[in-house]
Amino acid sequence: MQFLYFPIYDRYKENAKDFGPIVPRLVHFLYNDLDVLEEDSILEWAGTIDEASELRRIMKPVVEWLQQDSDEDEDESEGE
C-alpha cells in the first residue's frame, strides 16, 4: 500500500498551503472509511517524514490517534 502515499506526498509538495490541511482527513478517510490503508503502513510512512517538516506536524494527530487505538487494542488483548 506504500504506493498510495506517493501521490499524497507529491500533491502536498505541489501545494502545501491548500492541500496540507486535507492530508490528515484524507489519510483518515482512506483508513477508517474505505479500509484502503493499514495502520502499520500509515505509521511507517509518517515515520519517514522529516521531523522538521510541516507535514509531520500536520499528521501528528492522526499518528497519535492510531497509536492510542493500537494501545487500547493491546490492553484489551491482555485483559482476555
N, C-alpha and C. Protein backbone atom coordinates (compact mmCIF):
# COMPACT_ATOMS: atom_id res chain seq x y z
N MET A 1 0.80 -1.20 0.00
CA MET A 1 0.00 0.00 0.00
C MET A 1 0.84 1.27 0.00
N GLN A 2 2.15 1.13 0.16
CA GLN A 2 3.01 2.30 0.20
C GLN A 2 2.84 3.19 -1.03
N PHE A 3 2.49 2.59 -2.15
CA PHE A 3 2.36 3.37 -3.38
C PHE A 3 1.28 4.44 -3.26
N LEU A 4 0.34 4.29 -2.37
CA LEU A 4 -0.72 5.29 -2.19
C LEU A 4 -0.20 6.57 -1.54
N TYR A 5 0.90 6.48 -0.82
CA TYR A 5 1.42 7.65 -0.14
C TYR A 5 2.18 8.58 -1.08
N PHE A 6 2.72 8.05 -2.16
CA PHE A 6 3.49 8.88 -3.09
C PHE A 6 2.64 9.99 -3.69
N PRO A 7 1.45 9.70 -4.21
CA PRO A 7 0.65 10.80 -4.77
C PRO A 7 0.19 11.79 -3.70
N ILE A 8 -0.06 11.31 -2.50
CA ILE A 8 -0.45 12.22 -1.42
C ILE A 8 0.70 13.17 -1.13
N TYR A 9 1.90 12.61 -0.99
CA TYR A 9 3.07 13.43 -0.69
C TYR A 9 3.40 14.37 -1.85
N ASP A 10 3.32 13.87 -3.07
CA ASP A 10 3.60 14.71 -4.24
C ASP A 10 2.63 15.88 -4.31
N ARG A 11 1.37 15.61 -4.09
CA ARG A 11 0.35 16.67 -4.13
C ARG A 11 0.61 17.68 -3.02
N TYR A 12 1.00 17.19 -1.86
CA TYR A 12 1.32 18.07 -0.74
C TYR A 12 2.50 18.99 -1.12
N LYS A 13 3.54 18.42 -1.72
CA LYS A 13 4.70 19.22 -2.10
C LYS A 13 4.33 20.29 -3.13
N GLU A 14 3.41 19.97 -4.02
CA GLU A 14 3.00 20.93 -5.06
C GLU A 14 2.23 22.10 -4.47
N ASN A 15 1.43 21.86 -3.45
CA ASN A 15 0.56 22.90 -2.93
C ASN A 15 0.28 22.66 -1.45
N ALA A 16 1.31 22.81 -0.64
CA ALA A 16 1.19 22.51 0.79
C ALA A 16 0.15 23.38 1.47
N LYS A 17 0.05 24.62 1.07
CA LYS A 17 -0.88 25.55 1.73
C LYS A 17 -2.33 25.07 1.63
N ASP A 18 -2.74 24.69 0.43
CA ASP A 18 -4.13 24.27 0.23
C ASP A 18 -4.36 22.79 0.54
N PHE A 19 -3.39 21.95 0.20
CA PHE A 19 -3.59 20.51 0.36
C PHE A 19 -3.21 20.02 1.76
N GLY A 20 -2.32 20.74 2.43
CA GLY A 20 -1.86 20.33 3.75
C GLY A 20 -2.96 20.02 4.74
N PRO A 21 -3.93 20.93 4.91
CA PRO A 21 -5.00 20.65 5.87
C PRO A 21 -5.87 19.45 5.50
N ILE A 22 -5.84 19.05 4.25
CA ILE A 22 -6.66 17.93 3.79
C ILE A 22 -5.99 16.59 4.05
N VAL A 23 -4.67 16.57 4.12
CA VAL A 23 -3.92 15.32 4.21
C VAL A 23 -4.38 14.44 5.38
N PRO A 24 -4.46 14.95 6.60
CA PRO A 24 -4.90 14.07 7.70
C PRO A 24 -6.31 13.51 7.48
N ARG A 25 -7.20 14.34 6.99
CA ARG A 25 -8.58 13.86 6.75
C ARG A 25 -8.60 12.81 5.65
N LEU A 26 -7.78 13.01 4.62
CA LEU A 26 -7.71 12.05 3.52
C LEU A 26 -7.17 10.71 4.02
N VAL A 27 -6.08 10.75 4.76
CA VAL A 27 -5.49 9.52 5.30
C VAL A 27 -6.49 8.83 6.24
N HIS A 28 -7.14 9.59 7.08
CA HIS A 28 -8.14 9.02 8.00
C HIS A 28 -9.28 8.38 7.21
N PHE A 29 -9.75 9.07 6.18
CA PHE A 29 -10.84 8.55 5.35
C PHE A 29 -10.43 7.25 4.65
N LEU A 30 -9.24 7.22 4.08
CA LEU A 30 -8.76 6.02 3.39
C LEU A 30 -8.57 4.86 4.37
N TYR A 31 -8.22 5.17 5.60
CA TYR A 31 -8.04 4.13 6.61
C TYR A 31 -9.36 3.70 7.24
N ASN A 32 -10.10 4.66 7.74
CA ASN A 32 -11.27 4.36 8.57
C ASN A 32 -12.52 4.04 7.76
N ASP A 33 -12.75 4.78 6.69
CA ASP A 33 -14.00 4.62 5.94
C ASP A 33 -13.88 3.66 4.77
N LEU A 34 -12.78 3.75 4.03
CA LEU A 34 -12.62 2.89 2.85
C LEU A 34 -11.82 1.63 3.14
N ASP A 35 -11.12 1.60 4.27
CA ASP A 35 -10.30 0.45 4.64
C ASP A 35 -9.27 0.12 3.56
N VAL A 36 -8.69 1.17 2.99
CA VAL A 36 -7.69 1.01 1.93
C VAL A 36 -6.28 1.01 2.53
N LEU A 37 -6.07 1.84 3.54
CA LEU A 37 -4.77 1.93 4.18
C LEU A 37 -4.77 1.13 5.48
N GLU A 38 -3.59 0.63 5.83
CA GLU A 38 -3.45 -0.13 7.06
C GLU A 38 -2.73 0.72 8.10
N GLU A 39 -3.06 0.49 9.35
CA GLU A 39 -2.46 1.25 10.44
C GLU A 39 -0.94 1.23 10.39
N ASP A 40 -0.37 0.04 10.25
CA ASP A 40 1.08 -0.07 10.25
C ASP A 40 1.72 0.71 9.11
N SER A 41 1.09 0.69 7.95
CA SER A 41 1.68 1.40 6.81
C SER A 41 1.58 2.91 7.00
N ILE A 42 0.51 3.39 7.62
CA ILE A 42 0.39 4.83 7.89
C ILE A 42 1.48 5.25 8.87
N LEU A 43 1.64 4.48 9.94
CA LEU A 43 2.66 4.82 10.93
C LEU A 43 4.06 4.74 10.35
N GLU A 44 4.29 3.75 9.50
CA GLU A 44 5.60 3.62 8.85
C GLU A 44 5.87 4.82 7.95
N TRP A 45 4.88 5.18 7.13
CA TRP A 45 5.03 6.33 6.23
C TRP A 45 5.25 7.61 7.03
N ALA A 46 4.44 7.82 8.05
CA ALA A 46 4.57 9.04 8.85
C ALA A 46 5.95 9.11 9.51
N GLY A 47 6.50 7.96 9.85
CA GLY A 47 7.82 7.92 10.45
C GLY A 47 8.94 8.29 9.50
N THR A 48 8.67 8.22 8.20
CA THR A 48 9.69 8.59 7.21
C THR A 48 9.68 10.07 6.88
N ILE A 49 8.66 10.78 7.34
CA ILE A 49 8.56 12.22 7.06
C ILE A 49 9.54 12.96 7.95
N ASP A 50 10.29 13.87 7.37
CA ASP A 50 11.28 14.66 8.10
C ASP A 50 10.65 15.28 9.35
N GLU A 51 11.33 15.14 10.48
CA GLU A 51 10.78 15.62 11.75
C GLU A 51 10.53 17.12 11.75
N ALA A 52 11.29 17.87 10.98
CA ALA A 52 11.14 19.32 10.93
C ALA A 52 10.07 19.75 9.93
N SER A 53 9.50 18.79 9.23
CA SER A 53 8.53 19.09 8.17
C SER A 53 7.18 19.51 8.73
N GLU A 54 6.55 20.43 8.03
CA GLU A 54 5.19 20.84 8.38
C GLU A 54 4.23 19.66 8.22
N LEU A 55 4.49 18.80 7.23
CA LEU A 55 3.64 17.63 7.02
C LEU A 55 3.67 16.71 8.25
N ARG A 56 4.80 16.58 8.85
CA ARG A 56 4.92 15.75 10.07
C ARG A 56 4.03 16.33 11.17
N ARG A 57 4.05 17.66 11.32
CA ARG A 57 3.23 18.32 12.33
C ARG A 57 1.75 18.13 12.01
N ILE A 58 1.40 18.25 10.74
CA ILE A 58 0.01 18.11 10.31
C ILE A 58 -0.50 16.69 10.56
N MET A 59 0.35 15.71 10.36
CA MET A 59 -0.04 14.30 10.52
C MET A 59 -0.03 13.83 11.97
N LYS A 60 0.54 14.61 12.85
CA LYS A 60 0.70 14.19 14.25
C LYS A 60 -0.61 13.74 14.90
N PRO A 61 -1.73 14.46 14.76
CA PRO A 61 -2.97 13.99 15.40
C PRO A 61 -3.43 12.62 14.90
N VAL A 62 -3.25 12.35 13.62
CA VAL A 62 -3.64 11.05 13.07
C VAL A 62 -2.74 9.96 13.63
N VAL A 63 -1.45 10.23 13.66
CA VAL A 63 -0.49 9.26 14.18
C VAL A 63 -0.79 8.97 15.65
N GLU A 64 -1.03 10.01 16.43
CA GLU A 64 -1.35 9.81 17.85
C GLU A 64 -2.64 9.03 18.03
N TRP A 65 -3.63 9.32 17.20
CA TRP A 65 -4.90 8.60 17.26
C TRP A 65 -4.70 7.12 16.96
N LEU A 66 -3.91 6.82 15.93
CA LEU A 66 -3.64 5.43 15.58
C LEU A 66 -2.87 4.72 16.69
N GLN A 67 -1.88 5.41 17.26
CA GLN A 67 -1.10 4.81 18.33
C GLN A 67 -1.96 4.56 19.57
N GLN A 68 -2.84 5.49 19.87
CA GLN A 68 -3.74 5.34 21.01
C GLN A 68 -4.70 4.17 20.77
N ASP A 69 -5.23 4.09 19.56
CA ASP A 69 -6.13 3.00 19.20
C ASP A 69 -5.40 1.66 19.31
N SER A 70 -4.16 1.64 18.86
CA SER A 70 -3.35 0.42 18.92
C SER A 70 -3.08 0.03 20.37
N ASP A 71 -2.77 1.02 21.21
CA ASP A 71 -2.53 0.75 22.63
C ASP A 71 -3.77 0.19 23.30
N GLU A 72 -4.94 0.73 22.97
CA GLU A 72 -6.19 0.24 23.55
C GLU A 72 -6.47 -1.19 23.11
N ASP A 73 -6.17 -1.51 21.86
CA ASP A 73 -6.35 -2.88 21.37
C ASP A 73 -5.45 -3.84 22.13
N GLU A 74 -4.20 -3.42 22.39
CA GLU A 74 -3.27 -4.26 23.13
C GLU A 74 -3.75 -4.48 24.56
N ASP A 75 -4.26 -3.42 25.19
CA ASP A 75 -4.78 -3.54 26.55
C ASP A 75 -5.94 -4.51 26.61
N GLU A 76 -6.83 -4.46 25.63
CA GLU A 76 -7.97 -5.37 25.59
C GLU A 76 -7.51 -6.81 25.41
N SER A 77 -6.49 -7.02 24.59
CA SER A 77 -5.97 -8.37 24.35
C SER A 77 -5.34 -8.93 25.62
N GLU A 78 -4.64 -8.09 26.37
CA GLU A 78 -4.00 -8.54 27.59
C GLU A 78 -5.03 -8.86 28.67
N GLY A 79 -6.18 -8.20 28.63
CA GLY A 79 -7.22 -8.41 29.63
C GLY A 79 -8.01 -9.68 29.43
N GLU A 80 -7.88 -10.30 28.28
CA GLU A 80 -8.65 -11.51 27.98
C GLU A 80 -8.03 -12.75 28.56
